[in-house]
């Protein structure tokens, strides 16, 4: 118990410092603190007023489209320090672990990133994704039938989360899926991207990590004995060929599961809340459901699920006229880039007919561009088209509940009237 008390005391002190910085006006601290985090866009506008902002935490933040795009594509920036030892994996609880934890390939630099991403890439090939189109259509119809039958339903719990969870679980070959449990794991691991802030969160993170590792170790053993045509079976063959370790395999499976539904669930939820505030755009989509693809891209620009990412300088760099030493963390404000007036005309207007001047950064860019982007796009496009065909209006009887997270922007719930 003593280690937990020490961790709890340290986390409480960190929360007090962060809130103090936020009250004093530090933009990065405000992004991490309620109530400011629930509407980050005014903060981003202030950050765009300078090329690079240095927070009281010692981190640097860039928020303009041009600088964010530059850093994401620059190979002199990585996701770990030059010694490769820091920062710890996002899924690392500060409490003693019962099971070992290593970084996912999203948290690694080449060559390990390149090797592990290449092993996972076939799961998201165009042919593989297209093969799931019918599954997505059928799952979408089934979930909407059940949700609309209720009259009033929670878009997140009844549709936006179960849809991608069902699809990615099928792709991985996970039987007997417990949607509610997986959604809870997603919330816990998603929140960890902000850093662990409470002892309760640390315990939940440790528990979720242990549960997921146990699940995938069991599935790996099964696929070793009786392989199938699912993604885990393919990765087990790579394990047998010595192309990755068992712990790397387990961690990759965890990443593919959680990342495979978290982004899509929040993309759908954020999109429908945006439509609720822009009913004329909903009418445009209802009159022409073929605009669903444009809707996906506009939501990713306007209200993206992933708001922040980080890079670390591998050498002293000059960004926007500001010199940043080696091994310093740079926060890349992805959520700001879609609202940058230097990149988009009328950026604060949600418009499905927009002809974008730039490619949005909703799925990041460079070597860490989202591997599952094609699947997320297809799922969201089918979801928006189906909702537009079956919901005459997007009526939210009460305000949505935003998640208490910064890196991931999404809703806890969004109650809609059928």
Protein backbone atom coordinates (compact mmCIF):
# COMPACT_ATOMS: atom_id res chain seq x y z
CA UNK A 1 0.00 0.00 0.00
CA UNK A 2 2.89 2.36 0.73
CA UNK A 3 3.96 2.63 -2.95
CA UNK A 4 0.37 3.47 -3.89
CA UNK A 5 0.22 6.21 -1.25
CA UNK A 6 3.42 7.72 -2.60
CA UNK A 7 2.07 7.60 -6.15
CA UNK A 8 -1.24 9.12 -5.03
CA UNK A 9 0.53 11.97 -3.25
CA UNK A 10 2.70 12.70 -6.28
CA UNK A 11 -0.25 12.69 -8.66
CA UNK A 12 -2.25 14.99 -6.37
CA UNK A 13 0.67 17.44 -6.31
CA UNK A 14 0.89 17.32 -10.11
CA UNK A 15 -2.83 18.09 -10.42
CA UNK A 16 -2.50 21.10 -8.12
CA UNK A 17 0.46 22.43 -10.11
CA UNK A 18 -1.36 21.96 -13.41
CA UNK A 19 -4.49 23.73 -12.14
CA UNK A 20 -2.36 26.54 -10.75
CA UNK A 21 -0.69 27.01 -14.14
CA UNK A 22 -4.11 26.90 -15.83
CA UNK A 23 -5.55 29.57 -13.53
CA UNK A 24 -2.46 31.66 -14.25
CA UNK A 25 -3.27 31.40 -17.96
CA UNK A 26 -0.82 28.79 -19.29
CA UNK A 27 -2.43 27.52 -22.53
CA UNK A 28 -1.09 23.96 -22.32
CA UNK A 29 -2.23 23.65 -18.69
CA UNK A 30 -5.68 24.90 -19.68
CA UNK A 31 -5.92 22.27 -22.43
CA UNK A 32 -5.37 19.67 -19.71
CA UNK A 33 -7.79 21.16 -17.18
CA UNK A 34 -11.57 21.46 -16.85
CA UNK A 35 -13.49 23.52 -17.80
CA UNK A 36 -11.14 24.92 -20.46
CA UNK A 37 -10.45 21.52 -22.08
CA UNK A 38 -14.10 21.15 -23.12
CA UNK A 39 -13.69 23.94 -25.68
CA UNK A 40 -10.04 23.99 -26.78
CA UNK A 41 -10.50 26.05 -29.93
CA UNK A 42 -10.19 29.53 -28.35
CA UNK A 43 -6.97 28.32 -26.71
CA UNK A 44 -5.65 27.12 -30.06
CA UNK A 45 -6.45 30.51 -31.61
CA UNK A 46 -4.25 32.14 -28.98
CA UNK A 47 -1.45 29.64 -29.56
CA UNK A 48 -1.53 30.29 -33.31
CA UNK A 49 -0.73 33.92 -32.55
CA UNK A 50 2.89 32.93 -31.93
CA UNK A 51 5.05 30.50 -33.85
CA UNK A 52 6.10 28.37 -30.86
CA UNK A 53 4.86 28.56 -27.28
CA UNK A 54 6.99 27.40 -24.36
CA UNK A 55 4.80 26.18 -21.50
CA UNK A 56 5.64 26.48 -17.82
CA UNK A 57 6.00 22.69 -17.96
CA UNK A 58 9.02 23.19 -20.22
CA UNK A 59 7.27 21.76 -23.28
CA UNK A 60 7.06 23.55 -26.59
CA UNK A 61 3.75 23.76 -28.46
CA UNK A 62 3.08 24.45 -32.14
CA UNK A 63 -0.45 25.10 -33.36
CA UNK A 64 -0.32 26.47 -36.91
CA UNK A 65 -1.00 24.16 -39.81
CA UNK A 66 2.34 24.79 -41.49
CA UNK A 67 4.50 24.18 -38.41
CA UNK A 68 2.53 21.11 -37.30
CA UNK A 69 2.77 19.60 -40.78
CA UNK A 70 6.48 20.39 -40.94
CA UNK A 71 7.26 18.68 -37.63
CA UNK A 72 5.17 15.58 -38.37
CA UNK A 73 7.08 15.03 -41.61
CA UNK A 74 10.54 15.92 -40.29
CA UNK A 75 12.64 12.80 -39.61
CA UNK A 76 14.80 14.72 -37.13
CA UNK A 77 11.82 14.58 -34.77
CA UNK A 78 10.90 11.27 -33.12
CA UNK A 79 8.56 9.96 -30.47
CA UNK A 80 11.31 8.99 -28.03
CA UNK A 81 14.50 10.59 -26.81
CA UNK A 82 17.76 9.79 -28.55
CA UNK A 83 18.63 7.14 -25.96
CA UNK A 84 15.31 5.43 -26.72
CA UNK A 85 14.43 5.08 -23.04
CA UNK A 86 11.95 7.91 -22.50
CA UNK A 87 9.12 8.68 -22.27
CA UNK A 88 7.54 5.46 -20.92
CA UNK A 89 4.73 3.81 -22.88
CA UNK A 90 1.38 5.59 -22.67
CA UNK A 91 -0.07 2.36 -21.26
CA UNK A 92 2.47 2.29 -18.42
CA UNK A 93 0.78 2.74 -15.06
CA UNK A 94 2.92 4.47 -12.40
CA UNK A 95 1.96 1.63 -10.06
CA UNK A 96 4.02 -1.58 -9.90
CA UNK A 97 3.07 -3.80 -12.82
CA UNK A 98 2.13 -7.45 -12.54
CA UNK A 99 2.89 -7.84 -16.23
CA UNK A 100 5.61 -6.23 -18.35
CA UNK A 101 4.68 -3.30 -20.62
CA UNK A 102 6.58 -2.13 -23.69
CA UNK A 103 5.82 0.69 -26.13
CA UNK A 104 3.49 0.15 -29.07
CA UNK A 105 4.92 0.91 -32.49
CA UNK A 106 3.20 4.31 -32.30
CA UNK A 107 5.52 5.04 -29.37
CA UNK A 108 8.69 3.88 -31.11
CA UNK A 109 11.07 5.32 -33.67
CA UNK A 110 12.63 3.48 -36.60
CA UNK A 111 13.84 0.80 -37.00
CA UNK A 112 11.46 -0.85 -34.50
CA UNK A 113 8.56 1.32 -35.62
CA UNK A 114 9.19 0.42 -39.25
CA UNK A 115 9.45 -3.31 -38.52
CA UNK A 116 6.32 -3.59 -36.39
CA UNK A 117 4.19 -1.30 -38.55
CA UNK A 118 5.10 -3.36 -41.62
CA UNK A 119 3.88 -6.52 -39.88
CA UNK A 120 0.53 -4.88 -39.00
CA UNK A 121 0.02 -3.12 -42.36
CA UNK A 122 -1.51 -6.08 -44.27
CA UNK A 123 -4.47 -6.03 -41.88
CA UNK A 124 -5.44 -2.65 -43.32
CA UNK A 125 -4.72 -3.21 -47.01
CA UNK A 126 -7.30 -1.81 -49.48
CA UNK A 127 -8.43 -5.33 -50.37
CA UNK A 128 -8.81 -6.34 -46.73
CA UNK A 129 -10.73 -3.18 -45.85
CA UNK A 130 -13.05 -3.44 -48.86
CA UNK A 131 -13.82 -6.99 -47.81
CA UNK A 132 -15.34 -5.62 -44.60
CA UNK A 133 -17.72 -3.18 -46.32
CA UNK A 134 -20.64 -5.62 -46.22
CA UNK A 135 -19.93 -6.45 -42.56
CA UNK A 136 -20.00 -2.74 -41.71
CA UNK A 137 -23.29 -2.24 -43.58
CA UNK A 138 -24.96 -5.18 -41.81
CA UNK A 139 -23.65 -4.18 -38.37
CA UNK A 140 -24.73 -0.58 -38.93
CA UNK A 141 -28.28 -1.64 -39.87
CA UNK A 142 -28.58 -3.99 -36.90
CA UNK A 143 -27.37 -1.42 -34.38
CA UNK A 144 -29.58 1.33 -35.81
CA UNK A 145 -32.63 -0.94 -35.75
CA UNK A 146 -32.06 -1.61 -32.05
CA UNK A 147 -31.25 2.03 -31.19
CA UNK A 148 -34.15 3.63 -33.06
CA UNK A 149 -36.58 1.14 -31.55
CA UNK A 150 -35.87 2.76 -28.17
CA UNK A 151 -37.21 6.12 -29.33
CA UNK A 152 -34.54 7.99 -27.36
CA UNK A 153 -31.09 6.46 -27.41
CA UNK A 154 -27.46 7.17 -26.52
CA UNK A 155 -25.60 7.48 -29.81
CA UNK A 156 -22.26 6.63 -28.18
CA UNK A 157 -23.27 3.55 -26.15
CA UNK A 158 -25.85 2.21 -28.60
CA UNK A 159 -24.16 2.87 -31.94
CA UNK A 160 -20.92 4.85 -32.27
CA UNK A 161 -18.86 2.58 -29.99
CA UNK A 162 -20.39 -0.87 -30.74
CA UNK A 163 -20.00 -0.47 -34.51
CA UNK A 164 -16.19 -0.19 -34.73
CA UNK A 165 -15.71 -2.55 -31.78
CA UNK A 166 -17.64 -5.25 -33.67
CA UNK A 167 -15.67 -4.67 -36.86
CA UNK A 168 -12.15 -4.58 -35.39
CA UNK A 169 -12.94 -7.57 -33.16
CA UNK A 170 -14.03 -9.54 -36.21
CA UNK A 171 -10.91 -8.47 -38.09
CA UNK A 172 -8.71 -9.62 -35.21
CA UNK A 173 -10.70 -12.79 -34.69
CA UNK A 174 -11.80 -12.09 -31.10
CA UNK A 175 -14.79 -14.29 -30.14
CA UNK A 176 -17.54 -13.50 -27.62
CA UNK A 177 -16.95 -9.75 -27.69
CA UNK A 178 -18.07 -7.83 -24.61
CA UNK A 179 -18.72 -4.40 -26.16
CA UNK A 180 -19.17 -2.58 -22.86
CA UNK A 181 -15.95 -4.02 -21.42
CA UNK A 182 -13.92 -3.16 -24.53
CA UNK A 183 -15.37 0.37 -24.57
CA UNK A 184 -14.26 0.74 -20.95
CA UNK A 185 -10.75 -0.43 -21.84
CA UNK A 186 -10.73 2.12 -24.66
CA UNK A 187 -11.66 4.93 -22.28
CA UNK A 188 -9.00 3.91 -19.78
CA UNK A 189 -6.17 3.55 -22.29
CA UNK A 190 -7.31 6.63 -24.21
CA UNK A 191 -7.21 8.72 -21.03
CA UNK A 192 -3.68 7.48 -20.34
CA UNK A 193 -2.48 9.43 -23.40
CA UNK A 194 -2.89 12.56 -21.26
CA UNK A 195 -0.68 11.03 -18.59
CA UNK A 196 -1.94 9.38 -15.42
CA UNK A 197 -3.44 11.97 -13.09
CA UNK A 198 -5.15 10.03 -10.28
CA UNK A 199 -4.53 6.90 -8.26
CA UNK A 200 -7.89 5.54 -9.38
CA UNK A 201 -6.87 6.01 -13.00
CA UNK A 202 -3.52 4.31 -12.33
CA UNK A 203 -5.29 1.28 -10.86
CA UNK A 204 -7.74 1.11 -13.76
CA UNK A 205 -4.87 1.36 -16.26
CA UNK A 206 -2.92 -1.42 -14.56
CA UNK A 207 -6.03 -3.62 -14.47
CA UNK A 208 -7.00 -2.95 -18.10
CA UNK A 209 -3.47 -3.65 -19.32
CA UNK A 210 -3.32 -6.93 -17.41
CA UNK A 211 -6.76 -7.99 -18.71
CA UNK A 212 -5.89 -7.23 -22.33
CA UNK A 213 -2.55 -9.00 -22.08
CA UNK A 214 -4.27 -12.09 -20.65
CA UNK A 215 -6.86 -11.99 -23.44
CA UNK A 216 -4.30 -11.78 -26.22
CA UNK A 217 -1.92 -14.33 -24.73
CA UNK A 218 -4.83 -16.77 -24.66
CA UNK A 219 -5.77 -15.96 -28.27
CA UNK A 220 -2.14 -16.25 -29.38
CA UNK A 221 -1.94 -19.72 -27.84
CA UNK A 222 -5.16 -20.73 -29.59
CA UNK A 223 -4.02 -19.41 -32.98
CA UNK A 224 -0.69 -21.14 -32.59
CA UNK A 225 -2.52 -24.46 -32.28
CA UNK A 226 -5.29 -23.69 -34.81
CA UNK A 227 -4.49 -20.71 -37.06
CA UNK A 228 -7.20 -18.97 -39.05
CA UNK A 229 -7.35 -16.15 -41.56
CA UNK A 230 -7.61 -13.37 -38.97
CA UNK A 231 -4.98 -10.75 -38.11
CA UNK A 232 -3.82 -12.45 -34.92
CA UNK A 233 -3.11 -15.66 -36.85
CA UNK A 234 -1.04 -13.69 -39.37
CA UNK A 235 0.95 -12.06 -36.57
CA UNK A 236 1.45 -15.44 -34.89
CA UNK A 237 3.08 -16.64 -38.11
CA UNK A 238 5.41 -13.63 -37.91
CA UNK A 239 6.17 -14.62 -34.32
CA UNK A 240 7.09 -18.10 -35.46
CA UNK A 241 9.38 -16.59 -38.09
CA UNK A 242 11.21 -14.58 -35.42
CA UNK A 243 10.03 -11.23 -36.81
CA UNK A 244 8.76 -10.00 -33.43
CA UNK A 245 8.68 -11.10 -29.80
CA UNK A 246 5.62 -12.42 -27.99
CA UNK A 247 5.39 -9.24 -25.89
CA UNK A 248 5.60 -7.13 -29.05
CA UNK A 249 2.83 -9.25 -30.53
CA UNK A 250 0.63 -8.78 -27.47
CA UNK A 251 1.24 -5.02 -27.45
CA UNK A 252 0.53 -4.75 -31.19
CA UNK A 253 -2.77 -6.59 -30.73
CA UNK A 254 -3.73 -4.21 -27.91
CA UNK A 255 -2.95 -1.21 -30.11
CA UNK A 256 -4.89 -2.55 -33.10
CA UNK A 257 -7.92 -3.28 -30.92
CA UNK A 258 -8.08 0.03 -29.04
CA UNK A 259 -6.99 2.29 -31.90
CA UNK A 260 -9.30 0.31 -34.18
CA UNK A 261 -12.41 1.63 -32.45
CA UNK A 262 -11.51 4.68 -30.35
CA UNK A 263 -10.95 7.05 -33.27
CA UNK A 264 -14.00 5.89 -35.20
CA UNK A 265 -16.36 6.00 -32.21
CA UNK A 266 -15.35 9.57 -31.43
CA UNK A 267 -15.40 10.57 -35.08
CA UNK A 268 -19.04 9.48 -35.34
CA UNK A 269 -19.99 11.05 -32.00
CA UNK A 270 -18.24 14.36 -32.67
CA UNK A 271 -19.77 14.46 -36.12
CA UNK A 272 -23.34 13.96 -34.95
CA UNK A 273 -22.99 16.60 -32.23
CA UNK A 274 -21.63 18.98 -34.87
CA UNK A 275 -24.60 18.21 -37.10
CA UNK A 276 -26.93 18.90 -34.15
CA UNK A 277 -25.46 22.41 -33.97
CA UNK A 278 -25.57 22.83 -37.75
CA UNK A 279 -29.02 21.54 -38.81
CA UNK A 280 -28.75 23.04 -42.30
CA UNK A 281 -25.74 20.79 -42.93
CA UNK A 282 -27.71 17.78 -41.69
CA UNK A 283 -30.44 18.64 -44.17
CA UNK A 284 -27.83 18.77 -46.93
CA UNK A 285 -26.60 15.30 -46.00
CA UNK A 286 -30.15 13.93 -45.72
CA UNK A 287 -31.00 15.25 -49.17
CA UNK A 288 -27.85 13.67 -50.61
CA UNK A 289 -26.41 10.80 -48.51
CA UNK A 290 -23.59 10.46 -51.07
CA UNK A 291 -22.08 13.48 -49.28
CA UNK A 292 -21.21 11.18 -46.36
CA UNK A 293 -17.61 10.92 -47.52
CA UNK A 294 -17.31 14.71 -47.55
CA UNK A 295 -18.92 14.76 -44.10
CA UNK A 296 -16.22 12.46 -42.73
CA UNK A 297 -13.44 14.71 -44.01
CA UNK A 298 -15.10 17.89 -42.77
CA UNK A 299 -15.61 16.44 -39.28
CA UNK A 300 -11.96 15.37 -39.22
CA UNK A 301 -10.98 18.94 -40.03
CA UNK A 302 -13.49 20.71 -37.82
CA UNK A 303 -13.90 18.48 -34.74
CA UNK A 304 -11.21 15.76 -34.89
CA UNK A 305 -11.06 12.91 -32.35
CA UNK A 306 -7.27 13.24 -31.91
CA UNK A 307 -6.36 16.73 -30.76
CA UNK A 308 -2.71 16.50 -29.76
CA UNK A 309 0.34 14.41 -30.45
CA UNK A 310 3.96 14.80 -29.42
CA UNK A 311 7.38 14.71 -30.98
CA UNK A 312 10.85 14.89 -29.46
CA UNK A 313 13.78 16.69 -31.02
CA UNK A 314 16.65 14.36 -31.90
CA UNK A 315 18.89 17.35 -32.55
CA UNK A 316 18.81 21.04 -31.78
CA UNK A 317 16.23 22.51 -34.16
CA UNK A 318 14.95 25.89 -35.21
CA UNK A 319 11.17 25.90 -35.63
CA UNK A 320 9.34 29.07 -36.52
CA UNK A 321 12.43 31.07 -35.64
CA UNK A 322 12.63 29.50 -32.17
CA UNK A 323 15.62 27.33 -31.24
CA UNK A 324 14.64 24.11 -29.47
CA UNK A 325 17.40 21.99 -27.86
CA UNK A 326 17.73 18.25 -28.47
CA UNK A 327 15.59 15.82 -26.49
CA UNK A 328 12.84 18.35 -25.81
CA UNK A 329 9.17 17.55 -26.16
CA UNK A 330 7.13 19.43 -28.73
CA UNK A 331 3.34 19.24 -28.50
CA UNK A 332 1.74 19.24 -31.96
CA UNK A 333 -1.79 20.66 -31.74
CA UNK A 334 -3.52 18.67 -34.48
CA UNK A 335 -6.92 19.98 -33.39
CA UNK A 336 -5.79 23.53 -34.05
CA UNK A 337 -4.67 22.97 -37.62
CA UNK A 338 -8.16 22.55 -39.08
CA UNK A 339 -9.19 25.94 -37.65
CA UNK A 340 -6.10 27.80 -38.94
CA UNK A 341 -7.27 30.74 -41.13
CA UNK A 342 -3.90 30.66 -42.90
CA UNK A 343 -4.73 27.14 -44.12
CA UNK A 344 -8.52 27.21 -44.64
CA UNK A 345 -11.03 29.86 -45.61
CA UNK A 346 -13.77 30.42 -42.99
CA UNK A 347 -12.24 27.68 -40.83
CA UNK A 348 -14.78 28.02 -38.00
CA UNK A 349 -17.64 27.23 -40.38
CA UNK A 350 -18.73 23.61 -40.73
CA UNK A 351 -19.47 23.16 -44.43
CA UNK A 352 -19.91 19.86 -46.28
CA UNK A 353 -19.54 21.59 -49.65
CA UNK A 354 -16.12 22.94 -48.74
CA UNK A 355 -13.31 22.49 -51.23
CA UNK A 356 -10.40 22.25 -48.79
CA UNK A 357 -7.23 24.12 -49.61
CA UNK A 358 -5.11 21.63 -47.64
CA UNK A 359 -5.26 17.99 -46.60
CA UNK A 360 -6.37 17.92 -42.96
CA UNK A 361 -4.14 16.42 -40.29
CA UNK A 362 -6.93 14.55 -38.52
CA UNK A 363 -5.03 11.28 -38.99
CA UNK A 364 -1.63 12.91 -38.39
CA UNK A 365 1.05 12.80 -41.11
CA UNK A 366 4.49 11.44 -41.85
CA UNK A 367 5.64 7.98 -40.80
CA UNK A 368 3.11 7.86 -37.95
CA UNK A 369 0.10 8.53 -40.19
CA UNK A 370 -2.83 6.50 -38.85
CA UNK A 371 -2.57 2.95 -40.15
CA UNK A 372 -6.30 2.37 -39.72
CA UNK A 373 -7.41 5.56 -41.48
CA UNK A 374 -9.03 3.71 -44.45
CA UNK A 375 -11.10 1.54 -42.11
CA UNK A 376 -12.15 4.50 -39.94
CA UNK A 377 -13.16 6.48 -43.03
CA UNK A 378 -15.25 3.62 -44.42
CA UNK A 379 -17.01 2.95 -41.10
CA UNK A 380 -17.80 6.63 -40.50
CA UNK A 381 -18.99 7.16 -44.09
CA UNK A 382 -21.40 4.22 -43.88
CA UNK A 383 -22.55 5.34 -40.42
CA UNK A 384 -23.26 8.95 -41.45
CA UNK A 385 -25.10 7.84 -44.60
CA UNK A 386 -27.27 5.39 -42.66
CA UNK A 387 -28.04 7.89 -39.90
CA UNK A 388 -28.97 10.52 -42.52
CA UNK A 389 -31.38 8.11 -44.19
CA UNK A 390 -33.10 7.15 -40.95
CA UNK A 391 -32.98 10.22 -38.69
CA UNK A 392 -35.17 13.10 -39.91
CA UNK A 393 -33.38 15.49 -37.54
CA UNK A 394 -30.56 15.39 -35.03
CA UNK A 395 -32.32 16.38 -31.82
CA UNK A 396 -30.27 16.30 -28.63
CA UNK A 397 -32.66 16.65 -25.65
CA UNK A 398 -29.80 17.69 -23.40
CA UNK A 399 -26.21 18.85 -23.67
CA UNK A 400 -23.61 16.16 -24.34
CA UNK A 401 -21.14 14.95 -21.74
CA UNK A 402 -17.57 15.39 -22.92
CA UNK A 403 -14.89 12.98 -21.79
CA UNK A 404 -12.36 14.31 -19.29
CA UNK A 405 -9.51 13.90 -21.76
CA UNK A 406 -7.38 16.22 -23.84
CA UNK A 407 -5.51 14.16 -26.43
CA UNK A 408 -8.71 12.33 -27.37
CA UNK A 409 -11.73 14.58 -27.84
CA UNK A 410 -14.96 12.70 -27.60
CA UNK A 411 -18.31 12.41 -25.88
CA UNK A 412 -19.22 10.22 -22.93
CA UNK A 413 -22.78 10.20 -24.19
CA UNK A 414 -25.00 11.93 -26.73
CA UNK A 415 -28.70 11.32 -26.22
CA UNK A 416 -30.70 11.61 -29.44
CA UNK A 417 -34.42 11.45 -30.11
CA UNK A 418 -35.38 9.17 -32.99
